[in-house]
Amino acid sequence: MVDATQFFTETLPRKLAANPSVAPGVNAIYQFDIDGAGVWTVDLTQGAGVVRDGADGNAGCVIGASKADFEALLESPSSAMVMYMSNKLTISNLGLAMSLQKIFS
């Protein structure tokens, strides 16, 4: 299973660097509030994208989940809608969240 912290510190930055055209195609700022793993910002408005620890007041979409639920989502991204409908995943902007398929797949 993918660790949430490792996802934000290693996996996602590598994925963005390997696919620099993804960030400009999304062009949004996301904040992930992961209970048990911290708060992370994914800024896809800068170059190939920047991932940093901490909140961002300009986030267009805030996503929240427990560490266990987020890690389950990383293992099975297609389960996002089921998790959202069962309140295991909170999303402030569903339209922007749909664009995350490009970086989670």
Protein backbone atom coordinates (compact mmCIF):
# COMPACT_ATOMS: atom_id res chain seq x y z
CA MET A 1 0.00 0.00 0.00
CA VAL A 2 1.21 3.50 -0.82
CA ASP A 3 1.91 5.68 2.21
CA ALA A 4 0.16 9.09 2.05
CA THR A 5 3.26 11.03 3.12
CA GLN A 6 5.44 9.17 0.65
CA PHE A 7 2.90 9.92 -2.07
CA PHE A 8 3.25 13.68 -1.52
CA THR A 9 7.00 13.76 -0.88
CA GLU A 10 8.20 11.29 -3.51
CA THR A 11 5.64 9.67 -5.79
CA LEU A 12 3.65 12.71 -6.93
CA PRO A 13 6.66 15.01 -7.50
CA ARG A 14 8.29 12.26 -9.61
CA LYS A 15 5.08 11.73 -11.57
CA LEU A 16 4.69 15.45 -12.27
CA ALA A 17 8.34 15.77 -13.34
CA ALA A 18 7.95 12.82 -15.70
CA ASN A 19 4.76 14.28 -17.21
CA PRO A 20 5.29 18.08 -17.35
CA SER A 21 2.32 18.65 -19.65
CA VAL A 22 -0.17 17.54 -16.98
CA ALA A 23 0.04 20.62 -14.73
CA PRO A 24 -0.68 23.25 -17.41
CA GLY A 25 -3.63 21.15 -18.57
CA VAL A 26 -5.16 21.24 -15.08
CA ASN A 27 -3.98 24.73 -13.99
CA ALA A 28 -5.39 24.66 -10.45
CA ILE A 29 -4.25 24.60 -6.83
CA TYR A 30 -5.35 21.73 -4.59
CA GLN A 31 -5.09 21.36 -0.84
CA PHE A 32 -5.18 17.91 0.72
CA ASP A 33 -6.12 17.72 4.40
CA ILE A 34 -5.17 14.17 5.31
CA ASP A 35 -5.96 13.39 8.94
CA GLY A 36 -2.93 11.52 10.27
CA ALA A 37 -0.60 12.56 7.43
CA GLY A 38 -0.80 16.36 7.35
CA VAL A 39 -1.85 19.10 4.98
CA TRP A 40 -0.34 19.23 1.49
CA THR A 41 -0.66 21.67 -1.40
CA VAL A 42 -0.42 20.58 -5.02
CA ASP A 43 0.04 23.69 -7.16
CA LEU A 44 -0.51 22.88 -10.81
CA THR A 45 -0.33 26.54 -11.87
CA GLN A 46 3.49 26.62 -11.79
CA GLY A 47 5.63 24.89 -14.41
CA ALA A 48 5.32 21.13 -14.17
CA GLY A 49 3.62 21.46 -10.77
CA VAL A 50 4.82 21.94 -7.22
CA VAL A 51 4.01 19.80 -4.18
CA ARG A 52 4.62 21.32 -0.77
CA ASP A 53 3.82 20.70 2.86
CA GLY A 54 1.20 23.02 4.32
CA ALA A 55 -1.99 24.82 3.41
CA ASP A 56 -2.54 27.32 0.61
CA GLY A 57 -5.11 30.09 0.91
CA ASN A 58 -5.54 30.10 -2.87
CA ALA A 59 -6.60 26.46 -3.25
CA GLY A 60 -9.50 26.09 -5.64
CA CYS A 61 -10.26 22.63 -4.30
CA VAL A 62 -9.77 21.24 -0.80
CA ILE A 63 -9.88 17.48 -0.38
CA GLY A 64 -10.10 15.81 3.00
CA ALA A 65 -9.84 12.21 4.17
CA SER A 66 -8.35 10.09 6.89
CA LYS A 67 -4.89 8.67 6.20
CA ALA A 68 -6.30 5.15 5.83
CA ASP A 69 -9.05 6.25 3.44
CA PHE A 70 -6.66 8.35 1.34
CA GLU A 71 -4.24 5.45 1.07
CA ALA A 72 -7.11 3.20 -0.02
CA LEU A 73 -7.95 5.82 -2.66
CA LEU A 74 -4.36 5.78 -3.90
CA GLU A 75 -4.59 2.01 -4.31
CA SER A 76 -7.92 2.26 -6.14
CA PRO A 77 -8.53 5.71 -7.65
CA SER A 78 -11.75 4.50 -9.25
CA SER A 79 -13.27 4.23 -5.76
CA ALA A 80 -13.25 8.03 -5.32
CA MET A 81 -16.95 8.54 -6.05
CA VAL A 82 -18.00 5.75 -3.68
CA MET A 83 -15.79 7.23 -0.96
CA TYR A 84 -17.24 10.70 -1.62
CA MET A 85 -20.82 9.42 -1.45
CA SER A 86 -20.09 7.59 1.82
CA ASN A 87 -18.49 10.72 3.37
CA LYS A 88 -15.03 9.16 3.60
CA LEU A 89 -13.76 11.79 1.20
CA THR A 90 -14.68 15.49 1.33
CA ILE A 91 -14.29 17.64 -1.76
CA SER A 92 -14.93 21.38 -1.91
CA ASN A 93 -15.05 21.60 -5.72
CA LEU A 94 -16.13 18.44 -7.48
CA GLY A 95 -15.40 19.84 -10.95
CA LEU A 96 -11.76 20.56 -10.11
CA ALA A 97 -11.46 17.24 -8.29
CA MET A 98 -12.39 15.42 -11.50
CA SER A 99 -9.23 16.86 -13.11
CA LEU A 100 -7.13 14.99 -10.56
CA GLN A 101 -7.69 11.78 -12.51
CA LYS A 102 -4.83 12.98 -14.70
CA ILE A 103 -2.36 12.78 -11.83
CA PHE A 104 -3.83 9.87 -9.89
CA SER A 105 -4.07 7.44 -12.82
